[in-house]
Amino acid sequence: MNTGMIFFVCNKAFDEMADFLRQKADQAGVVCVDILGPIISAFEQASHLIPKREPGLLRKVDEMYYRRVEAVEFAVRYDDGKDPRGILQADIVLVGVSRTSKTPLSMYLAHKRIKVANVPLMPEVAPPEELYKVERGKVIGLIIKPDLLNNIRTERLKTLGLTGQASYANYERITEELEYADRLMKRLGCPVIDVTNRAVEETASKILEIYYRRLSNV
């Protein structure tokens, strides 16, 4: 093998290792190229900040990382009312009719290291008793305008190859569900957020505001 064609890639963040590699490369007649060193130096000069020079900081595995993973696993396990036991363990419990962004919000908040359970509300199905035992302020209701919900559900049915005339997208049925959800939320005394035309990030911001305000009053 022609060693003159072998390249070492040195990172200035590992000063001692980089110097060692350069020395050994010179001895072996190997070309040694420092890829990140000039880039880091340029940032250092422009920002007037001293680099930490620690490997692996971008993907550092620490307590916050494990808390995020735990929250994501929690959101998956207790999604869509699969197991009501999660309601009492959650930091936040989202309730609302189908297609009010409960699952996307649960996953988004999980990446903020917050454990979220969500429960779908349907007139024919009694809500789990755990909902009435949750600490006040943990349950947050999600509502939406019936016209928009009708459009969302109709499109959802189309993607599944079903007719838009199914009861799931029936306007009277939607109104019935929303009225039931409204009554239940009033009974729970929970804060309510209208998700109509709101991005997930925007709704999540409102939820976090309620969540941190509750914590500050504990």
C-alpha atoms as a PDB file:
ATOM      1  CA  MET A   1       0.000   0.000   0.000  1.00  0.00           C
ATOM      2  CA  ASN A   2       1.197   3.497  -0.815  1.00  0.00           C
ATOM      3  CA  THR A   3       1.171   5.153   2.615  1.00  0.00           C
ATOM      4  CA  GLY A   4       1.506   8.558   0.981  1.00  0.00           C
ATOM      5  CA  MET A   5      -2.120   8.245  -0.032  1.00  0.00           C
ATOM      6  CA  ILE A   6      -3.440   7.531   3.474  1.00  0.00           C
ATOM      7  CA  PHE A   7      -5.100  10.432   5.308  1.00  0.00           C
ATOM      8  CA  PHE A   8      -5.546  10.999   9.025  1.00  0.00           C
ATOM      9  CA  VAL A   9      -8.407  13.344   9.925  1.00  0.00           C
ATOM     10  CA  CYS A  10      -7.504  15.339  13.015  1.00  0.00           C
ATOM     11  CA  ASN A  11      -9.895  17.323  15.120  1.00  0.00           C
ATOM     12  CA  LYS A  12      -8.412  20.300  16.960  1.00  0.00           C
ATOM     13  CA  ALA A  13     -10.783  19.557  19.836  1.00  0.00           C
ATOM     14  CA  PHE A  14      -8.455  16.671  20.703  1.00  0.00           C
ATOM     15  CA  ASP A  15      -5.268  18.732  20.930  1.00  0.00           C
ATOM     16  CA  GLU A  16      -3.023  16.084  22.440  1.00  0.00           C
ATOM     17  CA  MET A  17      -4.326  13.365  20.153  1.00  0.00           C
ATOM     18  CA  ALA A  18      -4.029  15.642  17.123  1.00  0.00           C
ATOM     19  CA  ASP A  19      -0.407  16.444  17.968  1.00  0.00           C
ATOM     20  CA  PHE A  20       0.326  12.758  18.480  1.00  0.00           C
ATOM     21  CA  LEU A  21      -1.236  11.867  15.128  1.00  0.00           C
ATOM     22  CA  ARG A  22       0.684  14.589  13.328  1.00  0.00           C
ATOM     23  CA  GLN A  23       3.946  13.373  14.852  1.00  0.00           C
ATOM     24  CA  LYS A  24       3.297   9.746  13.921  1.00  0.00           C
ATOM     25  CA  ALA A  25       2.071  10.740  10.480  1.00  0.00           C
ATOM     26  CA  ASP A  26       5.249  12.723   9.833  1.00  0.00           C
ATOM     27  CA  GLN A  27       7.342   9.758  10.930  1.00  0.00           C
ATOM     28  CA  ALA A  28       5.420   7.415   8.634  1.00  0.00           C
ATOM     29  CA  GLY A  29       5.296   9.837   5.735  1.00  0.00           C
ATOM     30  CA  VAL A  30       1.512   9.930   5.870  1.00  0.00           C
ATOM     31  CA  VAL A  31      -0.504  12.991   4.880  1.00  0.00           C
ATOM     32  CA  CYS A  32      -2.397  14.342   7.911  1.00  0.00           C
ATOM     33  CA  VAL A  33      -5.363  16.644   7.327  1.00  0.00           C
ATOM     34  CA  ASP A  34      -7.009  18.646  10.136  1.00  0.00           C
ATOM     35  CA  ILE A  35     -10.638  19.005   9.021  1.00  0.00           C
ATOM     36  CA  LEU A  36     -12.360  20.658  11.986  1.00  0.00           C
ATOM     37  CA  GLY A  37      -9.471  22.618  13.460  1.00  0.00           C
ATOM     38  CA  PRO A  38      -9.659  25.629  11.080  1.00  0.00           C
ATOM     39  CA  ILE A  39     -13.467  25.707  11.333  1.00  0.00           C
ATOM     40  CA  ILE A  40     -13.417  25.731  15.132  1.00  0.00           C
ATOM     41  CA  SER A  41     -10.725  28.421  15.130  1.00  0.00           C
ATOM     42  CA  ALA A  42     -12.821  30.580  12.795  1.00  0.00           C
ATOM     43  CA  PHE A  43     -15.871  30.286  15.070  1.00  0.00           C
ATOM     44  CA  GLU A  44     -13.689  31.027  18.097  1.00  0.00           C
ATOM     45  CA  GLN A  45     -12.342  34.218  16.518  1.00  0.00           C
ATOM     46  CA  ALA A  46     -15.761  35.381  15.288  1.00  0.00           C
ATOM     47  CA  SER A  47     -17.677  34.662  18.492  1.00  0.00           C
ATOM     48  CA  HIS A  48     -14.918  35.354  21.041  1.00  0.00           C
ATOM     49  CA  LEU A  49     -16.043  32.196  22.831  1.00  0.00           C
ATOM     50  CA  ILE A  50     -13.733  29.456  24.046  1.00  0.00           C
ATOM     51  CA  PRO A  51     -14.672  25.998  22.713  1.00  0.00           C
ATOM     52  CA  LYS A  52     -15.154  23.305  25.332  1.00  0.00           C
ATOM     53  CA  ARG A  53     -13.075  20.853  23.296  1.00  0.00           C
ATOM     54  CA  GLU A  54     -15.052  17.899  24.628  1.00  0.00           C
ATOM     55  CA  PRO A  55     -15.862  15.035  22.261  1.00  0.00           C
ATOM     56  CA  GLY A  56     -19.458  13.856  21.928  1.00  0.00           C
ATOM     57  CA  LEU A  57     -21.188  16.994  23.229  1.00  0.00           C
ATOM     58  CA  LEU A  58     -23.657  17.002  20.323  1.00  0.00           C
ATOM     59  CA  ARG A  59     -24.974  13.556  21.252  1.00  0.00           C
ATOM     60  CA  LYS A  60     -24.097  13.549  24.905  1.00  0.00           C
ATOM     61  CA  VAL A  61     -26.052  10.950  26.854  1.00  0.00           C
ATOM     62  CA  ASP A  62     -27.060  12.487  30.153  1.00  0.00           C
ATOM     63  CA  GLU A  63     -29.977  12.610  32.549  1.00  0.00           C
ATOM     64  CA  MET A  64     -31.970  14.919  30.253  1.00  0.00           C
ATOM     65  CA  TYR A  65     -31.575  12.453  27.387  1.00  0.00           C
ATOM     66  CA  TYR A  66     -32.897   9.554  29.461  1.00  0.00           C
ATOM     67  CA  ARG A  67     -35.799  11.670  30.703  1.00  0.00           C
ATOM     68  CA  ARG A  68     -36.724  12.465  27.102  1.00  0.00           C
ATOM     69  CA  VAL A  69     -36.630   8.784  26.119  1.00  0.00           C
ATOM     70  CA  GLU A  70     -38.701   7.885  29.171  1.00  0.00           C
ATOM     71  CA  ALA A  71     -41.286  10.557  28.308  1.00  0.00           C
ATOM     72  CA  VAL A  72     -41.552   9.352  24.701  1.00  0.00           C
ATOM     73  CA  GLU A  73     -42.045   5.751  25.836  1.00  0.00           C
ATOM     74  CA  PHE A  74     -44.676   6.961  28.306  1.00  0.00           C
ATOM     75  CA  ALA A  75     -46.564   8.856  25.577  1.00  0.00           C
ATOM     76  CA  VAL A  76     -46.625   5.756  23.373  1.00  0.00           C
ATOM     77  CA  ARG A  77     -47.698   3.445  26.186  1.00  0.00           C
ATOM     78  CA  TYR A  78     -50.556   5.661  27.361  1.00  0.00           C
ATOM     79  CA  ASP A  79     -51.687   7.030  24.023  1.00  0.00           C
ATOM     80  CA  ASP A  80     -55.386   7.161  23.125  1.00  0.00           C
ATOM     81  CA  GLY A  81     -56.556   5.868  26.501  1.00  0.00           C
ATOM     82  CA  LYS A  82     -54.857   2.472  26.063  1.00  0.00           C
ATOM     83  CA  ASP A  83     -54.197   2.108  29.774  1.00  0.00           C
ATOM     84  CA  PRO A  84     -55.957   4.416  32.261  1.00  0.00           C
ATOM     85  CA  ARG A  85     -53.298   3.684  34.889  1.00  0.00           C
ATOM     86  CA  GLY A  86     -51.049   6.163  33.106  1.00  0.00           C
ATOM     87  CA  ILE A  87     -53.443   8.994  33.879  1.00  0.00           C
ATOM     88  CA  LEU A  88     -52.367   9.199  37.518  1.00  0.00           C
ATOM     89  CA  GLN A  89     -48.672   8.955  36.603  1.00  0.00           C
ATOM     90  CA  ALA A  90     -48.723  11.640  33.912  1.00  0.00           C
ATOM     91  CA  ASP A  91     -47.512  15.220  34.218  1.00  0.00           C
ATOM     92  CA  ILE A  92     -50.270  16.275  31.811  1.00  0.00           C
ATOM     93  CA  VAL A  93     -53.446  14.529  30.674  1.00  0.00           C
ATOM     94  CA  LEU A  94     -54.993  15.650  27.386  1.00  0.00           C
ATOM     95  CA  VAL A  95     -58.680  14.978  26.717  1.00  0.00           C
ATOM     96  CA  GLY A  96     -60.704  15.659  23.598  1.00  0.00           C
ATOM     97  CA  VAL A  97     -62.678  14.102  20.777  1.00  0.00           C
ATOM     98  CA  SER A  98     -60.949  12.278  17.935  1.00  0.00           C
ATOM     99  CA  ARG A  99     -58.695  14.391  15.654  1.00  0.00           C
ATOM    100  CA  THR A 100     -57.938  17.202  18.089  1.00  0.00           C
ATOM    101  CA  SER A 101     -54.167  16.544  17.874  1.00  0.00           C
ATOM    102  CA  LYS A 102     -53.898  14.669  21.163  1.00  0.00           C
ATOM    103  CA  THR A 103     -51.246  12.215  19.958  1.00  0.00           C
ATOM    104  CA  PRO A 104     -49.024  14.723  18.088  1.00  0.00           C
ATOM    105  CA  LEU A 105     -49.136  17.001  21.118  1.00  0.00           C
ATOM    106  CA  SER A 106     -48.260  14.142  23.460  1.00  0.00           C
ATOM    107  CA  MET A 107     -45.196  13.276  21.380  1.00  0.00           C
ATOM    108  CA  TYR A 108     -44.138  16.910  20.990  1.00  0.00           C
ATOM    109  CA  LEU A 109     -44.336  17.491  24.743  1.00  0.00           C
ATOM    110  CA  ALA A 110     -42.533  14.205  25.381  1.00  0.00           C
ATOM    111  CA  HIS A 111     -39.516  15.656  23.595  1.00  0.00           C
ATOM    112  CA  LYS A 112     -39.693  18.425  26.202  1.00  0.00           C
ATOM    113  CA  ARG A 113     -39.294  15.650  28.800  1.00  0.00           C
ATOM    114  CA  ILE A 114     -42.929  15.876  29.940  1.00  0.00           C
ATOM    115  CA  LYS A 115     -44.950  12.703  30.485  1.00  0.00           C
ATOM    116  CA  VAL A 116     -48.299  13.003  28.744  1.00  0.00           C
ATOM    117  CA  ALA A 117     -51.269  10.635  28.652  1.00  0.00           C
ATOM    118  CA  ASN A 118     -54.234  11.338  26.400  1.00  0.00           C
ATOM    119  CA  VAL A 119     -57.821  10.147  26.543  1.00  0.00           C
ATOM    120  CA  PRO A 120     -60.348  10.233  23.683  1.00  0.00           C
ATOM    121  CA  LEU A 121     -63.850  11.378  24.592  1.00  0.00           C
ATOM    122  CA  MET A 122     -66.883   9.592  23.123  1.00  0.00           C
ATOM    123  CA  PRO A 123     -70.516   9.858  24.318  1.00  0.00           C
ATOM    124  CA  GLU A 124     -70.943   6.065  24.318  1.00  0.00           C
ATOM    125  CA  VAL A 125     -67.852   5.393  26.418  1.00  0.00           C
ATOM    126  CA  ALA A 126     -67.668   6.478  30.041  1.00  0.00           C
ATOM    127  CA  PRO A 127     -64.387   8.268  30.846  1.00  0.00           C
ATOM    128  CA  PRO A 128     -61.999   6.358  33.123  1.00  0.00           C
ATOM    129  CA  GLU A 129     -62.500   7.012  36.814  1.00  0.00           C
ATOM    130  CA  GLU A 130     -58.843   8.040  37.056  1.00  0.00           C
ATOM    131  CA  LEU A 131     -59.720  11.316  35.316  1.00  0.00           C
ATOM    132  CA  TYR A 132     -61.642  12.423  38.391  1.00  0.00           C
ATOM    133  CA  LYS A 133     -58.743  11.561  40.697  1.00  0.00           C
ATOM    134  CA  VAL A 134     -56.060  13.560  38.889  1.00  0.00           C
ATOM    135  CA  GLU A 135     -54.558  16.550  40.635  1.00  0.00           C
ATOM    136  CA  ARG A 136     -56.436  19.685  39.627  1.00  0.00           C
ATOM    137  CA  GLY A 137     -54.809  21.470  36.694  1.00  0.00           C
ATOM    138  CA  LYS A 138     -53.137  18.409  35.192  1.00  0.00           C
ATOM    139  CA  VAL A 139     -56.038  17.642  32.860  1.00  0.00           C
ATOM    140  CA  ILE A 140     -56.276  19.903  29.813  1.00  0.00           C
ATOM    141  CA  GLY A 141     -59.183  19.807  27.376  1.00  0.00           C
ATOM    142  CA  LEU A 142     -58.848  20.260  23.624  1.00  0.00           C
ATOM    143  CA  ILE A 143     -61.744  21.560  21.539  1.00  0.00           C
ATOM    144  CA  ILE A 144     -62.155  22.445  17.873  1.00  0.00           C
ATOM    145  CA  LYS A 145     -64.726  24.142  15.649  1.00  0.00           C
ATOM    146  CA  PRO A 146     -67.200  21.593  14.208  1.00  0.00           C
ATOM    147  CA  ASP A 147     -66.762  22.746  10.590  1.00  0.00           C
ATOM    148  CA  LEU A 148     -63.017  22.209  10.672  1.00  0.00           C
ATOM    149  CA  LEU A 149     -63.363  18.889  12.469  1.00  0.00           C
ATOM    150  CA  ASN A 150     -65.843  17.763   9.836  1.00  0.00           C
ATOM    151  CA  ASN A 151     -63.321  18.584   7.087  1.00  0.00           C
ATOM    152  CA  ILE A 152     -60.470  16.857   8.914  1.00  0.00           C
ATOM    153  CA  ARG A 153     -62.454  13.685   9.517  1.00  0.00           C
ATOM    154  CA  THR A 154     -63.765  13.606   5.946  1.00  0.00           C
ATOM    155  CA  GLU A 155     -60.220  13.784   4.603  1.00  0.00           C
ATOM    156  CA  ARG A 156     -59.137  11.148   7.085  1.00  0.00           C
ATOM    157  CA  LEU A 157     -61.804   8.775   5.814  1.00  0.00           C
ATOM    158  CA  LYS A 158     -60.727   9.410   2.228  1.00  0.00           C
ATOM    159  CA  THR A 159     -57.140   8.412   3.030  1.00  0.00           C
ATOM    160  CA  LEU A 160     -58.533   5.161   4.465  1.00  0.00           C
ATOM    161  CA  GLY A 161     -60.592   4.557   1.325  1.00  0.00           C
ATOM    162  CA  LEU A 162     -63.884   5.040   3.157  1.00  0.00           C
ATOM    163  CA  THR A 163     -66.881   7.166   2.290  1.00  0.00           C
ATOM    164  CA  GLY A 164     -67.217  10.599   3.823  1.00  0.00           C
ATOM    165  CA  GLN A 165     -70.815   9.727   4.710  1.00  0.00           C
ATOM    166  CA  ALA A 166     -69.717   7.527   7.625  1.00  0.00           C
ATOM    167  CA  SER A 167     -70.980   8.607  11.034  1.00  0.00           C
ATOM    168  CA  TYR A 168     -67.398   9.497  11.992  1.00  0.00           C
ATOM    169  CA  ALA A 169     -67.604  12.547   9.698  1.00  0.00           C
ATOM    170  CA  ASN A 170     -71.331  13.202  10.115  1.00  0.00           C
ATOM    171  CA  TYR A 171     -71.877  16.820  11.169  1.00  0.00           C
ATOM    172  CA  GLU A 172     -74.638  16.006  13.664  1.00  0.00           C
ATOM    173  CA  ARG A 173     -72.480  13.288  15.200  1.00  0.00           C
ATOM    174  CA  ILE A 174     -69.547  15.705  15.485  1.00  0.00           C
ATOM    175  CA  THR A 175     -71.745  18.285  17.187  1.00  0.00           C
ATOM    176  CA  GLU A 176     -72.956  15.632  19.625  1.00  0.00           C
ATOM    177  CA  GLU A 177     -69.373  14.621  20.461  1.00  0.00           C
ATOM    178  CA  LEU A 178     -68.246  18.211  20.985  1.00  0.00           C
ATOM    179  CA  GLU A 179     -71.216  18.991  23.242  1.00  0.00           C
ATOM    180  CA  TYR A 180     -70.481  15.874  25.280  1.00  0.00           C
ATOM    181  CA  ALA A 181     -66.796  16.834  25.553  1.00  0.00           C
ATOM    182  CA  ASP A 182     -67.769  20.353  26.638  1.00  0.00           C
ATOM    183  CA  ARG A 183     -69.976  19.014  29.424  1.00  0.00           C
ATOM    184  CA  LEU A 184     -67.297  16.643  30.646  1.00  0.00           C
ATOM    185  CA  MET A 185     -64.581  19.304  30.625  1.00  0.00           C
ATOM    186  CA  LYS A 186     -66.805  21.598  32.683  1.00  0.00           C
ATOM    187  CA  ARG A 187     -67.391  18.750  35.105  1.00  0.00           C
ATOM    188  CA  LEU A 188     -63.639  18.178  35.379  1.00  0.00           C
ATOM    189  CA  GLY A 189     -63.057  21.899  35.791  1.00  0.00           C
ATOM    190  CA  CYS A 190     -60.048  21.695  33.503  1.00  0.00           C
ATOM    191  CA  PRO A 191     -58.499  24.447  31.377  1.00  0.00           C
ATOM    192  CA  VAL A 192     -59.575  24.234  27.736  1.00  0.00           C
ATOM    193  CA  ILE A 193     -57.649  25.104  24.573  1.00  0.00           C
ATOM    194  CA  ASP A 194     -59.265  25.643  21.181  1.00  0.00           C
ATOM    195  CA  VAL A 195     -56.969  23.955  18.646  1.00  0.00           C
ATOM    196  CA  THR A 196     -58.846  25.316  15.614  1.00  0.00           C
ATOM    197  CA  ASN A 197     -56.297  26.420  13.006  1.00  0.00           C
ATOM    198  CA  ARG A 198     -53.476  26.163  15.536  1.00  0.00           C
ATOM    199  CA  ALA A 199     -50.179  24.479  14.739  1.00  0.00           C
ATOM    200  CA  VAL A 200     -49.082  21.743  17.137  1.00  0.00           C
ATOM    201  CA  GLU A 201     -46.221  23.968  18.339  1.00  0.00           C
ATOM    202  CA  GLU A 202     -48.616  26.798  19.117  1.00  0.00           C
ATOM    203  CA  THR A 203     -50.989  24.593  21.081  1.00  0.00           C
ATOM    204  CA  ALA A 204     -48.052  22.989  22.890  1.00  0.00           C
ATOM    205  CA  SER A 205     -46.864  26.442  23.912  1.00  0.00           C
ATOM    206  CA  LYS A 206     -50.266  27.120  25.502  1.00  0.00           C
ATOM    207  CA  ILE A 207     -50.165  23.774  27.286  1.00  0.00           C
ATOM    208  CA  LEU A 208     -46.673  24.440  28.624  1.00  0.00           C
ATOM    209  CA  GLU A 209     -47.806  27.843  29.862  1.00  0.00           C
ATOM    210  CA  ILE A 210     -50.605  26.186  31.844  1.00  0.00           C
ATOM    211  CA  TYR A 211     -48.267  23.433  33.043  1.00  0.00           C
ATOM    212  CA  TYR A 212     -45.527  25.732  34.362  1.00  0.00           C
ATOM    213  CA  ARG A 213     -48.017  28.122  35.877  1.00  0.00           C
ATOM    214  CA  ARG A 214     -49.500  25.232  37.837  1.00  0.00           C
ATOM    215  CA  LEU A 215     -46.050  24.135  39.008  1.00  0.00           C
ATOM    216  CA  SER A 216     -45.225  27.634  40.187  1.00  0.00           C
ATOM    217  CA  ASN A 217     -48.364  27.637  42.344  1.00  0.00           C
ATOM    218  CA  VAL A 218     -47.672  24.264  43.942  1.00  0.00           C
END
